Amino acid sequence: MNKAVAAVLLASLAIAPAYAEAPPYDTPAPIAFMQDLSTGAVLYSKDADRRMPPASLAKIMTVYVAFELIDRGELSLDKKFTVQPETWRKWNNQGSTMFLKVGEQVSVADLLYGIITLSGNDACVVLAEGISGTEPAFVQRMNEAAQRLHLTNSHFGTSNGWPDGGVTYVTARDLATLAKATIQQHYKLYKKFYSRPNFTWGSQLGSGKPISQDNRDPLLGRVAGADGLKTGHTEEAGYGFAGSADQGGRRLVMVLAGLTSFNQRIDESVKFMNWGFGAWQTRPIVAKGKKVETANVQLGSVNHVGLVAPTDLAVTVPAGTNPDMQLRVVYDGPVKAPIKAGQHIADLVVTTADTSPQYLPLVADQDVPVAGFFGRIWAGFWSLFGM
């Protein structure tokens, strides 16, 4: 298959070009990244491919692996795992904790709340051991998931991100990709678990009063539409956060790392996300069902298939501007039959001076069955003679 590229005239999509500059932004965070998931546009990138210790941000992958198993029907939310004595001895009050007790049986759902809301190191290991038998076996699952998601600069050595001498590392770009996969592939579970403001588990020694802890997510209650994801902190990593918010169907994912204090993380996270929504806007370019191009078809009942927008397509541009855009259609072609109507077979790639290329899906406008016997012979004849 060859990569086919077709130029798309701006006039055909009713786009009037005008020059615009990217809105400026500065953050004291040494590492920062922001992407608009509704268009794929990278809005900000500062040392986003530098390897760094993730601290508790590694727990996003632990949760992702569990979400995969749940959605595949291989793990139920009400299944209970037992807190082993050796696990309790190692992780009791070691960093952030869920305050689990020896011999306690805890459901998968409660362990997920303990990981996401409370950042419990103990909860991570109990979940990992319950799923895979040992934490190292679960970590192997984490690294296999990282490979599937093409997290090329990430590796996991523990289920909770506890410092391990550099075995565990991530990048801001990879964390954003992981957050995107969590949200888009497991949306119902994401909405159920990631935005809980607090969670109560365990009891105080002596008084026996229940222990309630607040979610440390700095965006919850401060930025409209905020619903995840996870904070992290160690002396080595500093204060970090990977977060997301949705406003009016436009979802942003952000990552900040290397901040110097708890309060700085709150301030910078809120400012960064508000900047993303305020300084940028989405601009519609193709209406749902509009034909943009055609793709060549191999061994089909027809030689071409129309490429249409599956939904209203938009691009991200600086707020209040109408920037110059270059558009092209890209697909692996010719596309082999059979093809189903609505099948994603091409992308509309939009490039501006202010963003990385934005990839918008295009789908087939009709079913294309495989050609009959004589049709295949005829197609082969034309191909042989380059006709």
Protein backbone atom coordinates (compact mmCIF):
# COMPACT_ATOMS: atom_id res chain seq x y z
CA MET A 1 0.00 0.00 0.00
CA ASN A 2 1.20 3.50 -0.80
CA LYS A 3 0.33 6.58 1.17
CA ALA A 4 -2.00 8.57 -1.07
CA VAL A 5 -2.19 12.31 -0.61
CA ALA A 6 -4.76 14.59 -2.21
CA ALA A 7 -4.66 18.36 -1.95
CA VAL A 8 -7.90 19.96 -0.81
CA LEU A 9 -8.60 23.47 -2.00
CA LEU A 10 -9.44 25.95 0.74
CA ALA A 11 -12.20 27.36 -1.42
CA SER A 12 -13.90 23.96 -1.64
CA LEU A 13 -14.35 24.01 2.14
CA ALA A 14 -15.24 27.69 2.34
CA ILE A 15 -12.21 28.65 4.42
CA ALA A 16 -11.03 32.23 4.10
CA PRO A 17 -7.33 32.43 5.03
CA ALA A 18 -5.88 35.09 7.30
CA TYR A 19 -2.64 35.16 9.27
CA ALA A 20 -2.64 34.72 13.06
CA GLU A 21 -0.03 34.26 15.74
CA ALA A 22 -0.19 31.65 18.47
CA PRO A 23 -1.34 33.08 21.81
CA PRO A 24 1.64 33.45 24.16
CA TYR A 25 1.90 31.55 27.42
CA ASP A 26 4.62 31.04 29.99
CA THR A 27 4.72 28.62 32.89
CA PRO A 28 7.35 28.05 35.59
CA ALA A 29 6.86 24.30 35.13
CA PRO A 30 9.98 22.88 33.43
CA ILE A 31 7.78 20.35 31.62
CA ALA A 32 4.35 21.16 30.16
CA PHE A 33 2.07 19.82 27.46
CA MET A 34 -1.50 20.49 26.30
CA GLN A 35 -3.59 18.92 23.55
CA ASP A 36 -7.10 19.53 22.28
CA LEU A 37 -8.58 16.05 21.96
CA SER A 38 -11.48 17.26 19.85
CA THR A 39 -9.08 18.10 16.99
CA GLY A 40 -5.75 16.57 17.98
CA ALA A 41 -4.05 19.98 18.00
CA VAL A 42 -1.08 20.38 20.34
CA LEU A 43 -1.60 23.77 21.98
CA TYR A 44 1.54 23.88 24.11
CA SER A 45 4.72 21.83 24.42
CA LYS A 46 7.67 22.52 26.70
CA ASP A 47 10.26 19.75 26.96
CA ALA A 48 7.37 17.33 26.53
CA ASP A 49 9.59 14.42 25.46
CA ARG A 50 12.01 14.59 28.39
CA ARG A 51 12.01 11.39 30.43
CA MET A 52 11.03 12.01 34.05
CA PRO A 53 10.01 10.05 37.14
CA PRO A 54 6.21 10.01 37.20
CA ALA A 55 5.60 9.55 40.94
CA SER A 56 1.89 8.84 41.38
CA LEU A 57 1.11 9.76 37.77
CA ALA A 58 2.14 6.16 37.06
CA LYS A 59 -1.13 5.14 38.70
CA ILE A 60 -2.99 6.33 35.59
CA MET A 61 -1.53 3.28 33.82
CA THR A 62 -2.46 0.99 36.71
CA VAL A 63 -6.04 2.17 36.43
CA TYR A 64 -5.98 1.93 32.63
CA VAL A 65 -4.98 -1.75 32.81
CA ALA A 66 -7.81 -2.41 35.27
CA PHE A 67 -10.30 -0.53 33.06
CA GLU A 68 -9.25 -2.69 30.09
CA LEU A 69 -9.92 -5.88 32.02
CA ILE A 70 -13.27 -4.60 33.32
CA ASP A 71 -14.51 -3.53 29.89
CA ARG A 72 -13.45 -6.88 28.43
CA GLY A 73 -15.46 -8.68 31.09
CA GLU A 74 -12.37 -10.27 32.67
CA LEU A 75 -12.63 -8.36 35.96
CA SER A 76 -15.72 -7.29 37.89
CA LEU A 77 -16.02 -4.20 40.05
CA ASP A 78 -17.45 -6.20 42.95
CA LYS A 79 -14.66 -8.81 42.98
CA LYS A 80 -12.78 -8.65 46.28
CA PHE A 81 -9.06 -8.98 46.94
CA THR A 82 -7.45 -9.68 50.30
CA VAL A 83 -4.77 -7.44 51.81
CA GLN A 84 -1.79 -9.73 52.38
CA PRO A 85 0.32 -9.30 55.57
CA GLU A 86 3.56 -8.67 53.66
CA THR A 87 1.86 -6.06 51.47
CA TRP A 88 0.50 -4.29 54.53
CA ARG A 89 3.90 -4.32 56.24
CA LYS A 90 5.59 -2.76 53.21
CA TRP A 91 2.98 -0.13 52.35
CA ASN A 92 1.26 0.76 55.62
CA ASN A 93 1.58 4.57 55.86
CA GLN A 94 4.22 4.55 53.10
CA GLY A 95 3.42 7.78 51.29
CA SER A 96 -0.19 8.32 50.30
CA THR A 97 -2.36 5.56 51.68
CA MET A 98 -5.88 4.16 51.66
CA PHE A 99 -5.34 2.90 55.23
CA LEU A 100 -5.99 -0.72 54.34
CA LYS A 101 -5.79 -3.36 57.08
CA VAL A 102 -4.25 -6.84 57.15
CA GLY A 103 -6.69 -9.49 55.95
CA GLU A 104 -9.23 -6.91 54.80
CA GLN A 105 -11.20 -7.86 51.72
CA VAL A 106 -11.67 -4.91 49.39
CA SER A 107 -13.65 -4.72 46.15
CA VAL A 108 -12.06 -3.66 42.88
CA ALA A 109 -14.33 -0.61 42.84
CA ASP A 110 -13.17 0.53 46.28
CA LEU A 111 -9.53 -0.10 45.37
CA LEU A 112 -9.97 2.06 42.26
CA TYR A 113 -11.40 4.87 44.38
CA GLY A 114 -8.51 4.35 46.76
CA ILE A 115 -6.02 4.71 43.91
CA ILE A 116 -7.65 7.58 42.02
CA THR A 117 -9.14 9.69 44.79
CA LEU A 118 -6.74 8.91 47.64
CA SER A 119 -3.62 8.05 45.59
CA GLY A 120 -3.17 5.03 47.83
CA ASN A 121 0.14 3.25 47.28
CA ASP A 122 -1.21 0.31 49.25
CA ALA A 123 -4.34 0.14 47.10
CA CYS A 124 -2.24 -0.08 43.92
CA VAL A 125 -0.25 -3.06 45.13
CA VAL A 126 -3.30 -4.90 46.47
CA LEU A 127 -5.07 -4.42 43.12
CA ALA A 128 -1.96 -5.46 41.19
CA GLU A 129 -1.46 -8.62 43.26
CA GLY A 130 -5.15 -9.47 43.09
CA ILE A 131 -5.23 -9.21 39.30
CA SER A 132 -1.91 -10.81 38.39
CA GLY A 133 -0.76 -12.71 41.49
CA THR A 134 2.33 -10.56 42.00
CA GLU A 135 3.12 -6.91 41.45
CA PRO A 136 5.93 -7.66 38.92
CA ALA A 137 3.49 -9.72 36.85
CA PHE A 138 1.03 -6.81 36.85
CA VAL A 139 3.79 -4.37 35.92
CA GLN A 140 4.43 -6.51 32.86
CA ARG A 141 0.81 -5.87 31.88
CA MET A 142 1.44 -2.14 32.32
CA ASN A 143 4.41 -2.22 29.96
CA GLU A 144 2.50 -4.28 27.42
CA ALA A 145 -0.26 -1.67 27.49
CA ALA A 146 2.35 1.07 27.04
CA GLN A 147 3.59 -0.68 23.90
CA ARG A 148 0.06 -0.99 22.50
CA LEU A 149 -0.49 2.72 23.07
CA HIS A 150 2.88 3.57 21.49
CA LEU A 151 4.21 5.22 24.63
CA THR A 152 7.71 5.09 23.22
CA ASN A 153 9.39 7.00 26.06
CA SER A 154 7.74 5.33 29.03
CA HIS A 155 8.52 2.30 31.16
CA PHE A 156 7.01 1.07 34.41
CA GLY A 157 8.74 -0.74 37.28
CA THR A 158 6.07 -0.46 39.98
CA SER A 159 2.29 -0.21 40.10
CA ASN A 160 2.27 2.99 42.17
CA GLY A 161 5.19 5.03 40.85
CA TRP A 162 7.26 4.76 44.02
CA PRO A 163 10.88 5.79 43.30
CA ASP A 164 12.81 2.81 41.94
CA GLY A 165 16.16 4.19 40.84
CA GLY A 166 15.07 5.25 37.38
CA VAL A 167 13.42 2.02 36.22
CA THR A 168 10.11 3.87 35.96
CA TYR A 169 9.98 6.88 33.66
CA VAL A 170 7.46 8.68 31.46
CA THR A 171 7.16 11.82 29.36
CA ALA A 172 4.50 14.50 29.38
CA ARG A 173 3.50 13.62 25.82
CA ASP A 174 3.13 9.94 26.71
CA LEU A 175 1.05 10.80 29.78
CA ALA A 176 -1.28 12.87 27.61
CA THR A 177 -1.61 9.93 25.22
CA LEU A 178 -2.40 7.64 28.15
CA ALA A 179 -4.99 10.09 29.47
CA LYS A 180 -6.55 10.30 26.01
CA ALA A 181 -6.77 6.50 25.77
CA THR A 182 -8.30 6.27 29.24
CA ILE A 183 -10.99 8.82 28.40
CA GLN A 184 -11.82 7.72 24.88
CA GLN A 185 -11.60 3.95 25.30
CA HIS A 186 -13.13 3.65 28.79
CA TYR A 187 -15.32 6.74 29.08
CA LYS A 188 -18.02 5.29 31.37
CA LEU A 189 -15.45 4.03 33.87
CA TYR A 190 -13.51 7.28 33.59
CA LYS A 191 -16.61 9.32 34.47
CA LYS A 192 -17.52 6.97 37.31
CA PHE A 193 -14.17 6.98 39.07
CA TYR A 194 -12.04 10.00 38.20
CA SER A 195 -14.05 13.00 39.38
CA ARG A 196 -15.07 11.90 42.88
CA PRO A 197 -14.28 14.83 45.27
CA ASN A 198 -13.51 12.65 48.30
CA PHE A 199 -13.57 9.09 49.57
CA THR A 200 -13.85 7.53 53.02
CA TRP A 201 -12.00 4.37 53.99
CA GLY A 202 -10.34 3.12 57.14
CA SER A 203 -10.66 4.35 60.70
CA GLN A 204 -8.56 6.37 63.13
CA LEU A 205 -6.68 4.53 65.84
CA GLY A 206 -8.27 4.98 69.23
CA SER A 207 -11.38 6.92 68.26
CA GLY A 208 -12.37 4.60 65.45
CA LYS A 209 -13.64 7.58 63.46
CA PRO A 210 -13.80 7.01 59.68
CA ILE A 211 -10.99 8.56 57.62
CA SER A 212 -12.19 10.77 54.79
CA GLN A 213 -9.67 12.22 52.33
CA ASP A 214 -10.16 14.79 49.56
CA ASN A 215 -9.22 14.29 45.93
CA ARG A 216 -6.03 16.31 45.28
CA ASP A 217 -7.01 17.08 41.66
CA PRO A 218 -6.38 20.86 41.49
CA LEU A 219 -8.97 21.44 38.76
CA LEU A 220 -12.00 19.90 40.47
CA GLY A 221 -14.31 22.68 41.63
CA ARG A 222 -12.01 25.33 40.12
CA VAL A 223 -12.32 24.81 36.34
CA ALA A 224 -15.64 24.20 34.60
CA GLY A 225 -15.92 20.71 33.15
CA ALA A 226 -12.89 19.33 35.00
CA ASP A 227 -13.20 15.58 35.66
CA GLY A 228 -9.72 14.06 36.07
CA LEU A 229 -7.01 12.81 36.22
CA LYS A 230 -4.13 12.45 38.71
CA THR A 231 -1.55 14.29 40.78
CA GLY A 232 1.93 13.09 41.67
CA HIS A 233 4.70 14.13 44.03
CA THR A 234 8.07 12.90 45.23
CA GLU A 235 11.21 14.79 46.19
CA GLU A 236 12.83 13.63 42.96
CA ALA A 237 9.91 14.42 40.64
CA GLY A 238 8.54 17.55 42.28
CA TYR A 239 4.82 18.29 41.99
CA GLY A 240 3.07 17.10 38.85
CA PHE A 241 -0.41 16.80 37.43
CA ALA A 242 -2.11 15.28 34.40
CA GLY A 243 -5.60 16.71 34.00
CA SER A 244 -8.56 17.00 31.67
CA ALA A 245 -11.69 19.08 31.29
CA ASP A 246 -14.57 19.23 28.81
CA GLN A 247 -16.38 22.45 28.00
CA GLY A 248 -19.16 22.33 25.45
CA GLY A 249 -17.86 19.15 23.85
CA ARG A 250 -14.31 20.46 23.56
CA ARG A 251 -11.94 18.37 25.70
CA LEU A 252 -8.41 19.38 26.64
CA VAL A 253 -5.71 17.24 28.25
CA MET A 254 -2.80 18.88 30.08
CA VAL A 255 0.36 17.76 31.86
CA LEU A 256 2.59 19.82 34.17
CA ALA A 257 5.64 18.44 35.95
CA GLY A 258 8.50 19.60 38.13
CA LEU A 259 6.62 22.29 40.07
CA THR A 260 7.96 23.26 43.47
CA SER A 261 4.97 23.21 45.82
CA PHE A 262 1.45 21.92 46.40
CA ASN A 263 -0.01 25.43 46.02
CA GLN A 264 2.01 26.19 42.91
CA ARG A 265 0.58 23.05 41.34
CA ILE A 266 -2.94 24.28 42.03
CA ASP A 267 -2.30 27.78 40.70
CA GLU A 268 -0.45 26.72 37.57
CA SER A 269 -2.86 23.90 36.70
CA VAL A 270 -5.87 26.19 36.89
CA LYS A 271 -4.16 28.96 34.90
CA PHE A 272 -2.91 26.55 32.25
CA MET A 273 -6.28 24.91 31.66
CA ASN A 274 -8.12 28.24 31.61
CA TRP A 275 -5.58 29.51 29.07
CA GLY A 276 -6.24 26.49 26.88
CA PHE A 277 -9.97 27.17 26.77
CA GLY A 278 -9.69 30.95 26.62
CA ALA A 279 -6.83 31.53 24.20
CA TRP A 280 -7.92 28.90 21.67
CA GLN A 281 -11.18 28.07 19.96
CA THR A 282 -12.47 25.38 17.63
CA ARG A 283 -13.56 26.45 14.17
CA PRO A 284 -15.88 24.29 12.07
CA ILE A 285 -14.56 23.44 8.61
CA VAL A 286 -16.58 20.47 7.30
CA ALA A 287 -20.22 19.66 7.99
CA LYS A 288 -21.28 16.11 8.80
CA GLY A 289 -21.85 14.08 5.64
CA LYS A 290 -20.01 16.50 3.32
CA LYS A 291 -17.89 14.81 0.68
CA VAL A 292 -14.27 15.98 0.82
CA GLU A 293 -12.48 13.67 -1.62
CA THR A 294 -12.54 10.21 -3.16
CA ALA A 295 -10.22 7.25 -2.51
CA ASN A 296 -9.08 4.65 -5.00
CA VAL A 297 -10.46 1.16 -4.35
CA GLN A 298 -8.73 -2.14 -5.08
CA LEU A 299 -10.71 -5.20 -6.23
CA GLY A 300 -14.03 -3.53 -5.47
CA SER A 301 -17.29 -3.37 -7.38
CA VAL A 302 -16.40 0.29 -8.02
CA ASN A 303 -13.01 1.92 -8.48
CA HIS A 304 -13.56 4.85 -6.13
CA VAL A 305 -15.36 5.59 -2.87
CA GLY A 306 -16.35 8.96 -1.51
CA LEU A 307 -14.72 10.28 1.66
CA VAL A 308 -17.13 12.15 3.93
CA ALA A 309 -17.06 13.73 7.37
CA PRO A 310 -18.51 11.33 9.99
CA THR A 311 -19.40 14.27 12.25
CA ASP A 312 -19.08 18.03 12.09
CA LEU A 313 -15.31 18.52 11.83
CA ALA A 314 -13.48 21.46 13.40
CA VAL A 315 -9.92 22.67 13.88
CA THR A 316 -8.34 24.48 16.81
CA VAL A 317 -7.10 28.01 16.13
CA PRO A 318 -6.13 31.03 18.24
CA ALA A 319 -9.25 32.68 19.64
CA GLY A 320 -10.69 35.44 17.48
CA THR A 321 -8.57 34.60 14.43
CA ASN A 322 -9.02 33.13 10.98
CA PRO A 323 -5.60 31.66 10.18
CA ASP A 324 -4.22 30.40 6.90
CA MET A 325 -4.76 26.65 6.62
CA GLN A 326 -3.33 23.96 4.40
CA LEU A 327 -5.41 20.83 3.98
CA ARG A 328 -4.68 17.44 2.48
CA VAL A 329 -6.34 14.04 2.50
CA VAL A 330 -4.13 11.10 3.43
CA TYR A 331 -4.92 7.39 3.27
CA ASP A 332 -3.22 4.05 2.65
CA GLY A 333 -4.30 3.30 -0.87
CA PRO A 334 -5.72 1.94 -2.90
CA VAL A 335 -8.17 0.81 -0.21
CA LYS A 336 -8.88 -2.90 -0.46
CA ALA A 337 -12.50 -4.01 -0.75
CA PRO A 338 -14.75 -4.87 0.98
CA ILE A 339 -15.46 -1.47 2.52
CA LYS A 340 -18.34 -0.64 4.85
CA ALA A 341 -20.17 2.67 4.78
CA GLY A 342 -18.89 4.74 7.71
CA GLN A 343 -15.55 2.91 7.81
CA HIS A 344 -12.63 5.19 8.75
CA ILE A 345 -10.28 4.97 5.76
CA ALA A 346 -8.68 8.41 5.47
CA ASP A 347 -7.75 11.55 7.38
CA LEU A 348 -8.13 15.21 6.59
CA VAL A 349 -4.85 16.74 7.77
CA VAL A 350 -5.03 20.43 8.62
CA THR A 351 -1.87 22.45 9.15
CA THR A 352 -1.61 26.03 10.41
CA ALA A 353 1.32 28.19 11.46
CA ASP A 354 0.26 27.88 15.10
CA THR A 355 -0.39 24.19 15.67
CA SER A 356 0.97 20.78 14.83
CA PRO A 357 -0.98 18.93 12.10
CA GLN A 358 -4.53 18.16 13.12
CA TYR A 359 -5.88 14.80 11.91
CA LEU A 360 -9.63 14.63 11.33
CA PRO A 361 -11.25 11.31 10.32
CA LEU A 362 -12.96 10.74 6.97
CA VAL A 363 -15.16 7.72 6.32
CA ALA A 364 -16.51 5.85 3.31
CA ASP A 365 -19.82 7.16 2.00
CA GLN A 366 -21.07 3.74 0.82
CA ASP A 367 -20.56 0.00 1.01
CA VAL A 368 -18.13 -1.34 -1.58
CA PRO A 369 -18.30 -5.14 -1.94
CA VAL A 370 -15.58 -7.22 -3.51
CA ALA A 371 -15.88 -7.36 -7.29
CA GLY A 372 -17.11 -10.54 -8.92
CA PHE A 373 -14.86 -12.94 -10.80
CA PHE A 374 -14.95 -11.08 -14.12
CA GLY A 375 -14.67 -7.75 -12.37
CA ARG A 376 -11.45 -8.88 -10.71
CA ILE A 377 -10.05 -10.07 -14.04
CA TRP A 378 -10.93 -6.75 -15.64
CA ALA A 379 -9.34 -4.81 -12.76
CA GLY A 380 -6.19 -6.92 -13.04
CA PHE A 381 -6.04 -6.30 -16.78
CA TRP A 382 -6.28 -2.54 -16.32
CA SER A 383 -3.67 -2.64 -13.54
CA LEU A 384 -1.28 -4.73 -15.65
CA PHE A 385 -1.30 -2.28 -18.51
CA GLY A 386 -1.40 0.81 -16.29
CA MET A 387 -4.73 1.86 -17.73
